[in-house]
């Protein structure tokens, strides 16, 4: 054997074996101790692990061809090339499928394989991490279908579903020629608009699954070769999707992950440079700070959104102004709060008709009355709060369960401040009982606790208050933000 042959087999044997390979071979234990592989594993980048695998001296002087390994994985050679040289794969289904096919020992992995419950390595920091999956997998009704492929109880997606997904990607790439076409961008812009409208009526835990799935597709498209104008459109889509994701995460009570997605949305929006999308992202960011209880940061982010928008008539202006009013009300600045409410109202009148929609990307009168009622509630101006709340409930459709429920909780707080504690407790409990588990989690539970905490301590021994407390105590501590 040649001096530089470290495989322990002659060249002819290596070539013959490589030609026979139709599936990954069984490898010796020390194969995975090779330094390039160890380095790739430490970076948590499975694409780099596969590249180091192909170039391992065990296979001989020449690396395994990408075509061979791509065939094992059921993907095209171009897909494998992007996996090796592009961003790290974050989709757990693909990670587990490829790790199992290549027989990577579980103790080297940074994620759990199905059936290996005793693997204590940290999970990869991904948007569908186990904490979110566990929260979502407890939902009922139509949420079950949406979460089926993600739920730990279902042992992750079946091999058939994974193979179908690989086939779908291969066919799409073969048709599009590995490029982002105009029709593709048109499609994804419509998908984003649909997600924006769905925020008004879909439970956040259910929608997050679809957002995660679609965002992975956007990430893949960003690795394609495309023109500068197409890349700009795609980046705008990514900014909107990232904004929807952090908005959805805050709704289910996961502010830590929401903050991470703020950074992604801001980077994408700033790259686009359009004040409409930049102000919208900053405005939604203000909501994340607000519901985390950081009212100073919320007011600052709202102020930034307004400055970015300038005189541009866009949804980001009333969205940010109304949020700034609520934050200033919580900070005890009634004059600033009223000034911001006035700006929200005047900017809403100047919005184009197509922007006054029931969508995360729009703003309408129902939202304005909800936000005004909320600000007046925190300023304890009950005479102004109650009419605004009544008008919001008149304008909101029954399907918009989240905002309607939050409005009624504001009504309950106003009643408690007026001394009508029985009515406040009853309204809150009835509203909670009218929602299913997926609708009741996160933000709604947080606001229900706010109602309870508004009740006088001396009243909390009454039956209505104890019933409300018992219902809220069934929620996890994670939801009591």
Protein backbone atom coordinates (compact mmCIF):
# COMPACT_ATOMS: atom_id res chain seq x y z
CA UNK A 1 0.00 0.00 0.00
CA UNK A 2 1.14 3.56 -0.63
CA UNK A 3 2.65 5.51 2.24
CA UNK A 4 -0.19 8.06 2.20
CA UNK A 5 -2.90 5.40 2.34
CA UNK A 6 -4.34 5.53 5.86
CA UNK A 7 -7.43 3.45 5.25
CA UNK A 8 -5.88 0.04 5.88
CA UNK A 9 -7.04 -1.24 2.45
CA UNK A 10 -5.38 -1.26 -0.95
CA UNK A 11 -6.47 1.16 -3.65
CA UNK A 12 -8.14 -1.50 -5.78
CA UNK A 13 -10.22 -2.71 -2.82
CA UNK A 14 -11.26 0.84 -1.97
CA UNK A 15 -12.36 1.54 -5.54
CA UNK A 16 -14.26 -1.72 -5.80
CA UNK A 17 -16.04 -1.08 -2.51
CA UNK A 18 -16.94 2.50 -3.45
CA UNK A 19 -18.40 1.33 -6.74
CA UNK A 20 -20.57 -1.17 -4.89
CA UNK A 21 -21.94 1.36 -2.42
CA UNK A 22 -25.67 1.86 -2.84
CA UNK A 23 -26.22 2.79 0.81
CA UNK A 24 -23.98 4.16 3.58
CA UNK A 25 -21.52 1.56 4.86
CA UNK A 26 -21.06 0.43 8.44
CA UNK A 27 -18.04 2.32 9.74
CA UNK A 28 -15.51 1.69 12.52
CA UNK A 29 -16.00 3.63 15.77
CA UNK A 30 -12.86 5.73 15.30
CA UNK A 31 -14.17 7.01 11.95
CA UNK A 32 -16.05 9.77 13.80
CA UNK A 33 -12.95 10.85 15.74
CA UNK A 34 -11.36 12.26 12.57
CA UNK A 35 -10.58 15.92 13.29
CA UNK A 36 -12.53 17.50 10.36
CA UNK A 37 -15.62 15.54 11.39
CA UNK A 38 -15.19 16.50 15.06
CA UNK A 39 -14.85 20.14 14.03
CA UNK A 40 -18.01 20.02 11.89
CA UNK A 41 -19.93 18.34 14.71
CA UNK A 42 -18.80 21.02 17.15
CA UNK A 43 -20.20 23.67 14.76
CA UNK A 44 -23.56 21.84 14.69
CA UNK A 45 -23.56 21.96 10.90
CA UNK A 46 -24.69 18.66 9.42
CA UNK A 47 -23.82 19.77 5.88
CA UNK A 48 -20.18 20.24 6.92
CA UNK A 49 -20.31 16.88 8.70
CA UNK A 50 -21.36 15.24 5.43
CA UNK A 51 -18.58 16.98 3.54
CA UNK A 52 -16.00 15.80 6.12
CA UNK A 53 -17.58 12.33 5.87
CA UNK A 54 -17.07 12.29 2.10
CA UNK A 55 -13.43 13.42 2.37
CA UNK A 56 -12.51 10.99 5.18
CA UNK A 57 -9.32 9.01 4.37
CA UNK A 58 -11.24 5.83 5.16
CA UNK A 59 -12.75 6.12 1.67
CA UNK A 60 -9.34 6.30 0.00
CA UNK A 61 -7.40 8.97 -1.84
CA UNK A 62 -10.49 10.35 -3.56
CA UNK A 63 -13.59 11.62 -1.71
CA UNK A 64 -16.95 9.98 -2.12
CA UNK A 65 -18.75 11.78 -4.96
CA UNK A 66 -21.57 14.12 -4.01
CA UNK A 67 -23.81 12.23 -6.41
CA UNK A 68 -23.32 9.00 -4.41
CA UNK A 69 -24.08 10.53 -1.03
CA UNK A 70 -26.98 12.58 -2.45
CA UNK A 71 -28.45 9.33 -3.75
CA UNK A 72 -28.25 7.82 -0.26
CA UNK A 73 -30.08 10.82 1.16
CA UNK A 74 -32.72 10.84 -1.57
CA UNK A 75 -31.88 14.35 -2.81
CA UNK A 76 -30.29 15.95 -5.85
CA UNK A 77 -26.55 16.65 -6.04
CA UNK A 78 -27.29 20.40 -6.13
CA UNK A 79 -29.26 20.13 -2.88
CA UNK A 80 -26.38 18.36 -1.16
CA UNK A 81 -23.96 21.00 -2.41
CA UNK A 82 -26.10 23.73 -0.84
CA UNK A 83 -26.36 21.75 2.40
CA UNK A 84 -22.57 21.41 2.60
CA UNK A 85 -21.75 25.01 1.71
CA UNK A 86 -24.82 26.95 2.82
CA UNK A 87 -26.32 27.79 6.21
CA UNK A 88 -26.73 25.08 8.83
CA UNK A 89 -29.83 22.93 8.54
CA UNK A 90 -32.27 23.60 11.40
CA UNK A 91 -35.20 21.36 10.44
CA UNK A 92 -35.18 18.53 12.98
CA UNK A 93 -36.87 16.07 10.62
CA UNK A 94 -34.07 16.36 8.06
CA UNK A 95 -31.36 16.30 10.73
CA UNK A 96 -32.66 13.07 12.24
CA UNK A 97 -33.29 11.42 8.85
CA UNK A 98 -29.78 12.09 7.54
CA UNK A 99 -28.06 11.24 10.82
CA UNK A 100 -29.82 7.87 10.89
CA UNK A 101 -29.00 7.12 7.24
CA UNK A 102 -25.30 7.86 7.80
CA UNK A 103 -25.23 5.87 11.07
CA UNK A 104 -23.84 8.78 13.08
CA UNK A 105 -23.56 7.59 16.71
CA UNK A 106 -26.10 9.36 18.91
CA UNK A 107 -23.54 10.59 21.44
CA UNK A 108 -21.98 12.82 18.78
CA UNK A 109 -25.26 14.56 17.94
CA UNK A 110 -26.63 17.83 19.33
CA UNK A 111 -30.24 16.73 18.82
CA UNK A 112 -32.31 13.73 19.84
CA UNK A 113 -33.11 10.87 17.51
CA UNK A 114 -36.54 9.23 17.66
CA UNK A 115 -36.50 6.48 20.23
CA UNK A 116 -33.39 7.79 22.02
CA UNK A 117 -34.95 9.43 25.06
CA UNK A 118 -31.78 9.17 27.12
CA UNK A 119 -29.75 11.50 24.89
CA UNK A 120 -29.15 14.50 27.14
CA UNK A 121 -27.33 16.69 24.62
CA UNK A 122 -28.77 20.17 24.18
CA UNK A 123 -31.30 20.56 21.38
CA UNK A 124 -30.30 22.78 18.48
CA UNK A 125 -31.46 26.35 18.92
CA UNK A 126 -34.29 26.30 16.40
CA UNK A 127 -37.67 27.94 16.19
CA UNK A 128 -39.53 24.66 16.74
CA UNK A 129 -37.52 23.71 19.85
CA UNK A 130 -38.87 21.17 22.31
CA UNK A 131 -40.33 23.79 24.64
CA UNK A 132 -42.51 25.18 21.87
CA UNK A 133 -43.36 21.75 20.50
CA UNK A 134 -44.40 20.50 23.93
CA UNK A 135 -46.59 23.57 24.45
CA UNK A 136 -48.21 23.18 21.03
CA UNK A 137 -48.62 19.42 21.24
CA UNK A 138 -51.04 19.84 24.15
CA UNK A 139 -53.54 21.72 21.99
CA UNK A 140 -56.86 20.20 21.04
CA UNK A 141 -59.29 20.28 18.15
CA UNK A 142 -57.96 21.25 14.74
CA UNK A 143 -54.56 21.97 16.27
CA UNK A 144 -53.91 18.24 16.45
CA UNK A 145 -53.81 17.86 12.68
CA UNK A 146 -51.52 20.84 12.24
CA UNK A 147 -49.07 19.54 14.82
CA UNK A 148 -49.11 15.89 13.82
CA UNK A 149 -45.79 15.92 12.03
CA UNK A 150 -44.07 17.81 14.85
CA UNK A 151 -45.45 16.16 17.97
CA UNK A 152 -43.00 14.09 20.06
CA UNK A 153 -45.82 11.65 20.80
CA UNK A 154 -45.97 10.82 17.10
CA UNK A 155 -42.26 10.01 17.03
CA UNK A 156 -41.64 12.75 14.42
CA UNK A 157 -42.54 12.40 10.72
CA UNK A 158 -42.55 9.00 9.11
CA UNK A 159 -39.81 8.08 6.63
CA UNK A 160 -42.42 8.15 3.84
CA UNK A 161 -43.33 11.78 4.60
CA UNK A 162 -39.66 12.75 4.65
CA UNK A 163 -39.07 11.02 1.32
CA UNK A 164 -42.11 12.76 -0.15
CA UNK A 165 -40.74 16.11 0.98
CA UNK A 166 -37.38 15.36 -0.64
CA UNK A 167 -39.13 14.37 -3.87
CA UNK A 168 -41.22 17.56 -3.81
CA UNK A 169 -38.11 19.72 -3.43
CA UNK A 170 -36.33 17.84 -6.21
CA UNK A 171 -39.21 18.24 -8.66
CA UNK A 172 -39.61 21.94 -7.79
CA UNK A 173 -35.91 22.56 -8.38
CA UNK A 174 -35.93 20.59 -11.62
CA UNK A 175 -38.80 22.70 -12.96
CA UNK A 176 -37.48 26.06 -11.76
CA UNK A 177 -33.91 25.35 -12.83
CA UNK A 178 -32.57 26.11 -9.35
CA UNK A 179 -33.71 29.74 -9.62
CA UNK A 180 -36.36 31.92 -7.98
CA UNK A 181 -38.96 32.67 -10.65
CA UNK A 182 -41.43 35.54 -10.76
CA UNK A 183 -44.34 33.14 -10.29
CA UNK A 184 -42.59 31.69 -7.25
CA UNK A 185 -42.26 35.15 -5.68
CA UNK A 186 -45.90 35.96 -6.52
CA UNK A 187 -46.94 32.77 -4.75
CA UNK A 188 -44.94 33.50 -1.59
CA UNK A 189 -46.21 37.07 -1.39
CA UNK A 190 -49.74 35.68 -1.39
CA UNK A 191 -48.77 33.13 1.28
CA UNK A 192 -47.46 35.93 3.50
CA UNK A 193 -50.69 37.93 3.06
CA UNK A 194 -52.68 34.84 3.98
CA UNK A 195 -50.62 34.35 7.14
CA UNK A 196 -51.21 37.99 8.04
CA UNK A 197 -54.98 37.54 7.74
CA UNK A 198 -54.86 34.25 9.65
CA UNK A 199 -53.45 35.98 12.72
CA UNK A 200 -56.92 37.39 13.31
CA UNK A 201 -58.63 34.04 13.82
CA UNK A 202 -56.15 31.14 14.10
CA UNK A 203 -54.71 30.04 17.46
CA UNK A 204 -51.09 31.14 17.63
CA UNK A 205 -49.77 27.68 18.54
CA UNK A 206 -51.35 26.26 15.40
CA UNK A 207 -50.18 29.03 13.10
CA UNK A 208 -46.61 28.84 14.38
CA UNK A 209 -46.22 25.38 12.86
CA UNK A 210 -47.19 26.62 9.39
CA UNK A 211 -44.97 29.68 9.75
CA UNK A 212 -42.01 27.50 10.70
CA UNK A 213 -42.56 25.18 7.75
CA UNK A 214 -42.91 28.05 5.27
CA UNK A 215 -39.96 29.97 6.66
CA UNK A 216 -37.71 26.97 6.09
CA UNK A 217 -38.74 27.10 2.44
CA UNK A 218 -37.92 30.83 2.33
CA UNK A 219 -34.50 30.09 3.84
CA UNK A 220 -33.88 27.54 1.09
CA UNK A 221 -34.94 29.98 -1.64
CA UNK A 222 -32.50 32.57 -0.31
CA UNK A 223 -29.63 30.24 -1.25
CA UNK A 224 -30.70 30.17 -4.91
CA UNK A 225 -29.15 32.28 -7.63
CA UNK A 226 -31.43 35.20 -8.40
CA UNK A 227 -31.50 38.76 -9.70
CA UNK A 228 -31.09 41.70 -7.34
CA UNK A 229 -34.74 42.70 -7.77
CA UNK A 230 -35.96 39.17 -7.02
CA UNK A 231 -33.64 38.96 -4.01
CA UNK A 232 -35.14 42.20 -2.72
CA UNK A 233 -38.66 40.80 -2.98
CA UNK A 234 -37.60 37.58 -1.29
CA UNK A 235 -35.88 39.48 1.52
CA UNK A 236 -39.04 41.50 2.06
CA UNK A 237 -41.00 38.24 2.35
CA UNK A 238 -38.44 36.98 4.88
CA UNK A 239 -38.81 40.18 6.94
CA UNK A 240 -42.59 39.85 7.01
CA UNK A 241 -42.46 36.16 7.88
CA UNK A 242 -39.93 36.77 10.66
CA UNK A 243 -42.17 39.54 12.00
CA UNK A 244 -45.16 37.21 12.03
CA UNK A 245 -43.11 34.57 13.82
CA UNK A 246 -42.03 36.83 16.67
CA UNK A 247 -45.57 38.21 16.95
CA UNK A 248 -46.89 34.64 17.19
CA UNK A 249 -44.25 33.66 19.74
CA UNK A 250 -45.25 36.52 22.03
CA UNK A 251 -48.89 35.42 21.75
CA UNK A 252 -48.06 31.94 23.04
CA UNK A 253 -45.96 33.34 25.86
CA UNK A 254 -42.41 32.80 24.58
CA UNK A 255 -40.73 36.23 24.76
CA UNK A 256 -37.16 34.87 24.75
CA UNK A 257 -37.53 33.34 21.29
CA UNK A 258 -39.56 36.34 20.11
CA UNK A 259 -36.61 38.64 20.85
CA UNK A 260 -34.31 36.48 18.70
CA UNK A 261 -36.71 36.72 15.78
CA UNK A 262 -36.87 40.49 16.18
CA UNK A 263 -33.20 40.62 15.20
CA UNK A 264 -33.82 38.51 12.10
CA UNK A 265 -36.80 40.62 11.03
CA UNK A 266 -34.91 43.88 11.54
CA UNK A 267 -31.90 42.68 9.53
CA UNK A 268 -34.13 41.63 6.63
CA UNK A 269 -36.26 44.79 6.77
CA UNK A 270 -33.22 47.08 6.89
CA UNK A 271 -31.78 45.23 3.89
CA UNK A 272 -34.97 45.99 1.94
CA UNK A 273 -34.83 49.64 2.98
CA UNK A 274 -38.55 50.28 2.46
CA UNK A 275 -39.95 52.55 5.23
CA UNK A 276 -43.27 50.71 5.02
CA UNK A 277 -41.81 47.33 6.00
CA UNK A 278 -39.18 48.83 8.35
CA UNK A 279 -41.78 50.78 10.34
CA UNK A 280 -44.06 47.74 10.48
CA UNK A 281 -41.29 45.55 11.90
CA UNK A 282 -40.36 48.20 14.50
CA UNK A 283 -44.03 48.63 15.39
CA UNK A 284 -44.49 44.91 15.94
CA UNK A 285 -41.24 44.87 17.92
CA UNK A 286 -42.80 47.44 20.26
CA UNK A 287 -45.57 44.95 20.99
CA UNK A 288 -43.05 42.31 22.04
CA UNK A 289 -41.46 44.72 24.53
CA UNK A 290 -44.88 45.81 25.75
CA UNK A 291 -46.12 42.32 26.53
CA UNK A 292 -42.79 41.52 28.21
CA UNK A 293 -43.53 44.39 30.59
CA UNK A 294 -40.69 46.62 29.33
CA UNK A 295 -42.76 49.74 28.64
CA UNK A 296 -39.79 52.06 28.16
CA UNK A 297 -38.39 49.80 25.41
CA UNK A 298 -41.88 49.52 23.90
CA UNK A 299 -42.25 53.30 23.72
CA UNK A 300 -38.76 53.67 22.25
CA UNK A 301 -39.40 51.06 19.55
CA UNK A 302 -42.72 52.70 18.70
CA UNK A 303 -41.00 56.08 18.43
CA UNK A 304 -38.42 54.55 16.06
CA UNK A 305 -41.20 53.10 13.91
CA UNK A 306 -42.87 56.50 13.62
CA UNK A 307 -39.59 58.20 12.73
CA UNK A 308 -38.83 55.62 10.04
CA UNK A 309 -42.29 55.95 8.47
CA UNK A 310 -42.13 59.75 8.42
CA UNK A 311 -44.94 61.04 6.24
CA UNK A 312 -45.48 57.70 4.47
CA UNK A 313 -49.10 56.55 4.97
CA UNK A 314 -48.64 52.97 6.12
CA UNK A 315 -49.97 50.59 8.78
CA UNK A 316 -46.82 50.98 10.85
CA UNK A 317 -47.84 54.54 11.87
CA UNK A 318 -51.19 53.93 13.65
CA UNK A 319 -49.88 50.56 14.87
CA UNK A 320 -46.86 52.18 16.54
CA UNK A 321 -48.70 55.30 17.74
CA UNK A 322 -51.41 53.24 19.45
CA UNK A 323 -48.83 51.02 21.11
CA UNK A 324 -46.88 54.06 22.27
CA UNK A 325 -50.08 55.38 23.84
CA UNK A 326 -50.55 52.14 25.77
CA UNK A 327 -46.92 52.08 26.91
CA UNK A 328 -47.04 55.72 28.06
CA UNK A 329 -50.28 54.99 29.90
CA UNK A 330 -48.54 52.16 31.78
CA UNK A 331 -45.63 54.51 32.53
CA UNK A 332 -48.03 57.06 34.05
CA UNK A 333 -47.75 59.68 31.31
CA UNK A 334 -51.37 60.48 30.39
CA UNK A 335 -50.58 63.52 28.22
CA UNK A 336 -48.12 61.58 26.07
CA UNK A 337 -50.61 58.70 25.89
CA UNK A 338 -53.42 60.98 24.66
CA UNK A 339 -51.12 62.65 22.14
CA UNK A 340 -50.17 59.25 20.72
CA UNK A 341 -53.82 58.16 20.55
CA UNK A 342 -54.65 61.31 18.60
CA UNK A 343 -51.85 60.55 16.15
CA UNK A 344 -53.04 56.95 15.76
CA UNK A 345 -56.56 58.18 14.93
CA UNK A 346 -55.45 60.81 12.43
CA UNK A 347 -52.99 58.47 10.68
CA UNK A 348 -55.68 55.78 10.39
CA UNK A 349 -57.86 58.23 8.46
CA UNK A 350 -55.02 58.76 5.95
CA UNK A 351 -54.36 55.07 5.31
CA UNK A 352 -55.14 53.63 1.87
CA UNK A 353 -58.34 51.59 1.89
CA UNK A 354 -56.47 48.34 1.18
CA UNK A 355 -54.41 48.83 4.37
CA UNK A 356 -57.47 49.17 6.64
CA UNK A 357 -57.84 45.41 6.75
CA UNK A 358 -58.16 42.72 9.41
CA UNK A 359 -54.60 41.54 9.07
CA UNK A 360 -51.28 41.71 10.89
CA UNK A 361 -50.17 43.92 7.98
CA UNK A 362 -53.10 46.33 8.30
CA UNK A 363 -54.83 48.51 10.87
CA UNK A 364 -58.52 49.35 11.27
CA UNK A 365 -61.04 51.08 13.52
CA UNK A 366 -61.71 47.98 15.62
CA UNK A 367 -58.04 47.86 16.59
CA UNK A 368 -57.94 51.59 17.28
CA UNK A 369 -60.90 51.38 19.69
CA UNK A 370 -59.39 48.30 21.38
CA UNK A 371 -56.04 50.05 21.86
CA UNK A 372 -57.66 53.31 22.99
CA UNK A 373 -59.83 51.43 25.49
CA UNK A 374 -56.75 49.63 26.80
CA UNK A 375 -54.81 52.88 27.23
CA UNK A 376 -57.75 54.54 29.02
CA UNK A 377 -58.09 51.47 31.24
CA UNK A 378 -54.48 51.80 32.40
CA UNK A 379 -54.96 55.53 32.89
CA UNK A 380 -58.10 54.64 34.92
CA UNK A 381 -60.27 56.95 32.81
CA UNK A 382 -63.23 54.59 32.93
CA UNK A 383 -65.66 57.04 31.32
CA UNK A 384 -63.56 56.96 28.13
CA UNK A 385 -62.48 53.31 28.35
CA UNK A 386 -65.91 51.66 28.44
CA UNK A 387 -67.35 53.35 25.29
CA UNK A 388 -64.16 52.54 23.36
CA UNK A 389 -64.42 48.90 24.45
CA UNK A 390 -68.08 48.67 23.45
CA UNK A 391 -67.29 50.09 20.01
CA UNK A 392 -64.39 47.65 19.57
CA UNK A 393 -66.64 44.68 20.39
CA UNK A 394 -69.25 45.98 17.93
CA UNK A 395 -66.66 46.19 15.13
CA UNK A 396 -64.69 43.00 15.75
CA UNK A 397 -66.09 39.85 14.09
CA UNK A 398 -66.79 36.88 16.35
CA UNK A 399 -63.92 34.97 14.69
CA UNK A 400 -61.33 37.42 16.06
CA UNK A 401 -61.28 35.66 19.42
CA UNK A 402 -57.96 37.04 20.67
CA UNK A 403 -58.66 40.77 20.47
CA UNK A 404 -62.30 40.34 21.52
CA UNK A 405 -61.19 38.45 24.62
CA UNK A 406 -58.55 41.04 25.49
CA UNK A 407 -61.15 43.81 25.13
CA UNK A 408 -63.49 42.00 27.51
CA UNK A 409 -60.67 41.55 30.01
CA UNK A 410 -60.13 45.33 29.85
CA UNK A 411 -63.84 45.73 30.56
CA UNK A 412 -63.47 43.42 33.55
CA UNK A 413 -60.58 45.49 34.90
CA UNK A 414 -62.69 48.64 34.57
CA UNK A 415 -65.52 46.95 36.45
CA UNK A 416 -63.13 45.87 39.20
CA UNK A 417 -61.80 49.44 39.47
CA UNK A 418 -65.42 50.59 39.92
CA UNK A 419 -65.95 48.03 42.67
CA UNK A 420 -68.04 45.58 40.59
CA UNK A 421 -65.83 42.62 41.52
CA UNK A 422 -68.45 39.88 41.02
CA UNK A 423 -69.11 41.07 37.47
CA UNK A 424 -65.39 41.35 36.71
CA UNK A 425 -64.70 37.82 37.93
CA UNK A 426 -67.70 36.34 36.13
CA UNK A 427 -66.88 37.99 32.78
CA UNK A 428 -63.29 36.79 32.93
CA UNK A 429 -64.14 33.23 33.92
CA UNK A 430 -66.89 32.93 31.31
CA UNK A 431 -64.55 34.20 28.63
CA UNK A 432 -61.85 31.70 29.60
CA UNK A 433 -64.34 28.84 29.59
CA UNK A 434 -65.58 29.78 26.12
CA UNK A 435 -62.13 29.19 24.60
CA UNK A 436 -60.40 25.91 23.83
CA UNK A 437 -56.95 25.15 25.20
CA UNK A 438 -55.04 26.31 22.12
CA UNK A 439 -56.89 29.65 22.18
CA UNK A 440 -56.49 30.13 25.92
CA UNK A 441 -52.70 29.85 26.19
CA UNK A 442 -50.06 32.55 26.45
CA UNK A 443 -51.21 36.14 26.12
CA UNK A 444 -54.84 35.50 27.06
CA UNK A 445 -53.84 33.72 30.25
CA UNK A 446 -51.43 36.53 31.09
CA UNK A 447 -54.16 39.16 30.75
CA UNK A 448 -56.62 37.05 32.75
CA UNK A 449 -54.10 37.07 35.61
CA UNK A 450 -54.03 40.86 35.27
CA UNK A 451 -57.78 40.93 35.88
CA UNK A 452 -57.44 38.71 38.94
CA UNK A 453 -54.62 40.84 40.34
CA UNK A 454 -56.82 43.94 39.96
CA UNK A 455 -59.38 42.44 42.35
CA UNK A 456 -58.98 43.68 45.94
CA UNK A 457 -57.12 41.24 48.17
CA UNK A 458 -60.03 41.23 50.60
CA UNK A 459 -62.37 40.10 47.81
CA UNK A 460 -60.27 37.15 46.63
CA UNK A 461 -61.84 34.82 49.22
CA UNK A 462 -65.24 35.13 47.54
CA UNK A 463 -66.43 32.19 45.48
CA UNK A 464 -66.32 34.02 42.13
CA UNK A 465 -62.70 35.05 42.73
CA UNK A 466 -61.63 31.59 43.91
CA UNK A 467 -63.25 29.99 40.87
CA UNK A 468 -61.29 32.35 38.63
CA UNK A 469 -58.07 31.66 40.52
CA UNK A 470 -58.58 27.89 40.29
CA UNK A 471 -59.14 28.11 36.53
CA UNK A 472 -55.97 30.16 36.08
CA UNK A 473 -53.95 27.92 38.41
CA UNK A 474 -54.38 25.10 35.89
CA UNK A 475 -52.14 26.99 33.50
CA UNK A 476 -48.40 26.40 33.57
CA UNK A 477 -46.13 28.86 35.40
CA UNK A 478 -44.55 29.58 32.01
CA UNK A 479 -47.74 31.28 30.94
CA UNK A 480 -47.84 33.64 33.92
CA UNK A 481 -45.56 36.20 32.36
